């Protein structure tokens, strides 16, 4: 994992996306595997986490959309395209004050949906 992130206040939309992305045992396991083992490609990560590649892709898409993981497509020595993922540097502080500040920045798209 990269150097320790500084805690920064997220706006309301980013906070909701991050919390929603982390609200899954599979996604927590994926973040933990990437944090402990470093960057990894999809097939290997699916084996480590114990889920299918299609399910892993769904979870990785949610984590990437929230800015919690990043991906990079690379070619292996034998010419195969491998999509490598790694955990992004983040440090989310949750407190009543942080939530109040984030709520003030929610966009209309997120305030009307559940």
C-alpha atoms as a PDB file:
ATOM      1  CA  UNK A   1       0.000   0.000   0.000  1.00  0.00           C
ATOM      2  CA  UNK A   2       1.141   3.531  -0.630  1.00  0.00           C
ATOM      3  CA  UNK A   3       2.193   5.945   2.099  1.00  0.00           C
ATOM      4  CA  UNK A   4      -0.334   6.709   4.788  1.00  0.00           C
ATOM      5  CA  UNK A   5      -3.045   9.085   3.618  1.00  0.00           C
ATOM      6  CA  UNK A   6      -3.926  12.233   5.413  1.00  0.00           C
ATOM      7  CA  UNK A   7      -7.471  12.350   6.665  1.00  0.00           C
ATOM      8  CA  UNK A   8      -9.509  14.635   4.459  1.00  0.00           C
ATOM      9  CA  UNK A   9     -13.144  15.570   4.658  1.00  0.00           C
ATOM     10  CA  UNK A  10     -15.098  14.109   1.743  1.00  0.00           C
ATOM     11  CA  UNK A  11     -17.982  15.934   0.185  1.00  0.00           C
ATOM     12  CA  UNK A  12     -21.380  14.329   0.708  1.00  0.00           C
ATOM     13  CA  UNK A  13     -21.521  12.486  -2.622  1.00  0.00           C
ATOM     14  CA  UNK A  14     -18.025  11.005  -2.260  1.00  0.00           C
ATOM     15  CA  UNK A  15     -18.694  10.007   1.350  1.00  0.00           C
ATOM     16  CA  UNK A  16     -21.894   8.208   0.330  1.00  0.00           C
ATOM     17  CA  UNK A  17     -20.108   6.432  -2.524  1.00  0.00           C
ATOM     18  CA  UNK A  18     -17.273   5.319  -0.238  1.00  0.00           C
ATOM     19  CA  UNK A  19     -19.593   4.106   2.515  1.00  0.00           C
ATOM     20  CA  UNK A  20     -21.817   2.262   0.016  1.00  0.00           C
ATOM     21  CA  UNK A  21     -18.767   0.665  -1.584  1.00  0.00           C
ATOM     22  CA  UNK A  22     -17.468  -0.510   1.779  1.00  0.00           C
ATOM     23  CA  UNK A  23     -20.865  -1.835   2.916  1.00  0.00           C
ATOM     24  CA  UNK A  24     -20.159  -5.336   1.635  1.00  0.00           C
ATOM     25  CA  UNK A  25     -18.133  -8.164   3.183  1.00  0.00           C
ATOM     26  CA  UNK A  26     -16.761  -9.072  -0.272  1.00  0.00           C
ATOM     27  CA  UNK A  27     -15.596  -5.525  -0.942  1.00  0.00           C
ATOM     28  CA  UNK A  28     -14.017  -5.279   2.512  1.00  0.00           C
ATOM     29  CA  UNK A  29     -12.139  -8.525   1.790  1.00  0.00           C
ATOM     30  CA  UNK A  30     -10.990  -7.164  -1.583  1.00  0.00           C
ATOM     31  CA  UNK A  31      -9.655  -3.949  -0.038  1.00  0.00           C
ATOM     32  CA  UNK A  32      -7.941  -5.967   2.707  1.00  0.00           C
ATOM     33  CA  UNK A  33      -6.347  -8.352   0.193  1.00  0.00           C
ATOM     34  CA  UNK A  34      -5.026  -5.466  -1.895  1.00  0.00           C
ATOM     35  CA  UNK A  35      -3.832  -3.580   1.190  1.00  0.00           C
ATOM     36  CA  UNK A  36      -1.962  -6.614   2.528  1.00  0.00           C
ATOM     37  CA  UNK A  37      -0.731  -8.170  -0.698  1.00  0.00           C
ATOM     38  CA  UNK A  38      -0.267  -5.152  -2.926  1.00  0.00           C
ATOM     39  CA  UNK A  39      -1.446  -4.770  -6.474  1.00  0.00           C
ATOM     40  CA  UNK A  40      -2.852  -7.852  -8.110  1.00  0.00           C
ATOM     41  CA  UNK A  41      -4.529  -8.961 -11.322  1.00  0.00           C
ATOM     42  CA  UNK A  42      -8.146 -10.064 -11.459  1.00  0.00           C
ATOM     43  CA  UNK A  43      -7.731 -13.840 -11.809  1.00  0.00           C
ATOM     44  CA  UNK A  44      -5.283 -14.096  -8.926  1.00  0.00           C
ATOM     45  CA  UNK A  45      -7.301 -11.730  -6.747  1.00  0.00           C
ATOM     46  CA  UNK A  46     -10.477 -13.765  -7.394  1.00  0.00           C
ATOM     47  CA  UNK A  47      -8.664 -16.906  -6.199  1.00  0.00           C
ATOM     48  CA  UNK A  48      -7.339 -15.147  -3.101  1.00  0.00           C
ATOM     49  CA  UNK A  49     -10.701 -13.682  -2.131  1.00  0.00           C
ATOM     50  CA  UNK A  50     -12.584 -16.859  -3.060  1.00  0.00           C
ATOM     51  CA  UNK A  51     -15.151 -15.442  -5.495  1.00  0.00           C
ATOM     52  CA  UNK A  52     -15.739 -15.732  -9.233  1.00  0.00           C
ATOM     53  CA  UNK A  53     -14.133 -13.275 -11.638  1.00  0.00           C
ATOM     54  CA  UNK A  54     -17.502 -11.815 -12.780  1.00  0.00           C
ATOM     55  CA  UNK A  55     -18.514 -11.194  -9.160  1.00  0.00           C
ATOM     56  CA  UNK A  56     -15.088  -9.746  -8.418  1.00  0.00           C
ATOM     57  CA  UNK A  57     -15.391  -7.395 -11.416  1.00  0.00           C
ATOM     58  CA  UNK A  58     -18.748  -6.137 -10.139  1.00  0.00           C
ATOM     59  CA  UNK A  59     -17.266  -5.388  -6.722  1.00  0.00           C
ATOM     60  CA  UNK A  60     -14.096  -3.835  -8.159  1.00  0.00           C
ATOM     61  CA  UNK A  61     -16.193  -1.533 -10.356  1.00  0.00           C
ATOM     62  CA  UNK A  62     -18.053  -0.275  -7.284  1.00  0.00           C
ATOM     63  CA  UNK A  63     -14.795   0.237  -5.366  1.00  0.00           C
ATOM     64  CA  UNK A  64     -13.154   1.991  -8.310  1.00  0.00           C
ATOM     65  CA  UNK A  65     -16.162   4.274  -8.864  1.00  0.00           C
ATOM     66  CA  UNK A  66     -15.864   5.320  -5.207  1.00  0.00           C
ATOM     67  CA  UNK A  67     -12.140   6.040  -5.647  1.00  0.00           C
ATOM     68  CA  UNK A  68     -11.066   3.298  -3.240  1.00  0.00           C
ATOM     69  CA  UNK A  69      -9.123   1.201  -5.770  1.00  0.00           C
ATOM     70  CA  UNK A  70      -7.413   1.976  -9.070  1.00  0.00           C
ATOM     71  CA  UNK A  71      -6.750  -0.223 -12.072  1.00  0.00           C
ATOM     72  CA  UNK A  72      -4.215  -0.434 -14.839  1.00  0.00           C
ATOM     73  CA  UNK A  73      -4.272  -2.683 -17.892  1.00  0.00           C
ATOM     74  CA  UNK A  74      -0.869  -4.216 -18.668  1.00  0.00           C
ATOM     75  CA  UNK A  75       0.480  -6.823 -21.075  1.00  0.00           C
ATOM     76  CA  UNK A  76       2.235  -9.867 -19.649  1.00  0.00           C
ATOM     77  CA  UNK A  77       5.428 -11.258 -21.185  1.00  0.00           C
ATOM     78  CA  UNK A  78       3.359 -13.777 -23.158  1.00  0.00           C
ATOM     79  CA  UNK A  79       1.062 -11.059 -24.549  1.00  0.00           C
ATOM     80  CA  UNK A  80      -1.945 -11.537 -22.260  1.00  0.00           C
ATOM     81  CA  UNK A  81      -3.786  -8.427 -21.123  1.00  0.00           C
ATOM     82  CA  UNK A  82      -3.915  -8.332 -17.329  1.00  0.00           C
ATOM     83  CA  UNK A  83      -5.970  -5.808 -15.414  1.00  0.00           C
ATOM     84  CA  UNK A  84      -4.078  -4.976 -12.223  1.00  0.00           C
ATOM     85  CA  UNK A  85      -5.840  -3.388  -9.262  1.00  0.00           C
ATOM     86  CA  UNK A  86      -4.407  -1.707  -6.224  1.00  0.00           C
ATOM     87  CA  UNK A  87      -5.907  -0.017  -3.235  1.00  0.00           C
ATOM     88  CA  UNK A  88      -5.963   3.774  -3.397  1.00  0.00           C
ATOM     89  CA  UNK A  89      -4.663   5.783  -0.484  1.00  0.00           C
ATOM     90  CA  UNK A  90      -7.603   6.871   1.647  1.00  0.00           C
ATOM     91  CA  UNK A  91      -8.401   7.626   5.259  1.00  0.00           C
ATOM     92  CA  UNK A  92     -12.061   8.287   5.956  1.00  0.00           C
ATOM     93  CA  UNK A  93     -12.889   9.843   9.310  1.00  0.00           C
ATOM     94  CA  UNK A  94     -16.507   9.453  10.413  1.00  0.00           C
ATOM     95  CA  UNK A  95     -17.888  11.652  13.131  1.00  0.00           C
ATOM     96  CA  UNK A  96     -21.138  13.525  13.660  1.00  0.00           C
ATOM     97  CA  UNK A  97     -19.360  16.731  12.657  1.00  0.00           C
ATOM     98  CA  UNK A  98     -17.915  15.165   9.479  1.00  0.00           C
ATOM     99  CA  UNK A  99     -21.348  13.860   8.519  1.00  0.00           C
ATOM    100  CA  UNK A 100     -22.936  17.280   9.120  1.00  0.00           C
ATOM    101  CA  UNK A 101     -20.320  18.926   6.915  1.00  0.00           C
ATOM    102  CA  UNK A 102     -20.790  16.282   4.203  1.00  0.00           C
ATOM    103  CA  UNK A 103     -24.585  16.614   4.229  1.00  0.00           C
ATOM    104  CA  UNK A 104     -24.256  20.292   3.394  1.00  0.00           C
ATOM    105  CA  UNK A 105     -22.492  19.343   0.143  1.00  0.00           C
ATOM    106  CA  UNK A 106     -24.848  16.607  -1.102  1.00  0.00           C
ATOM    107  CA  UNK A 107     -25.966  17.051  -4.690  1.00  0.00           C
ATOM    108  CA  UNK A 108     -29.621  16.880  -5.698  1.00  0.00           C
ATOM    109  CA  UNK A 109     -29.067  13.431  -7.269  1.00  0.00           C
ATOM    110  CA  UNK A 110     -28.114  11.899  -3.920  1.00  0.00           C
ATOM    111  CA  UNK A 111     -30.553  13.752  -1.689  1.00  0.00           C
ATOM    112  CA  UNK A 112     -33.579  12.330  -3.507  1.00  0.00           C
ATOM    113  CA  UNK A 113     -32.559   8.662  -3.641  1.00  0.00           C
ATOM    114  CA  UNK A 114     -32.321   5.918  -1.049  1.00  0.00           C
END
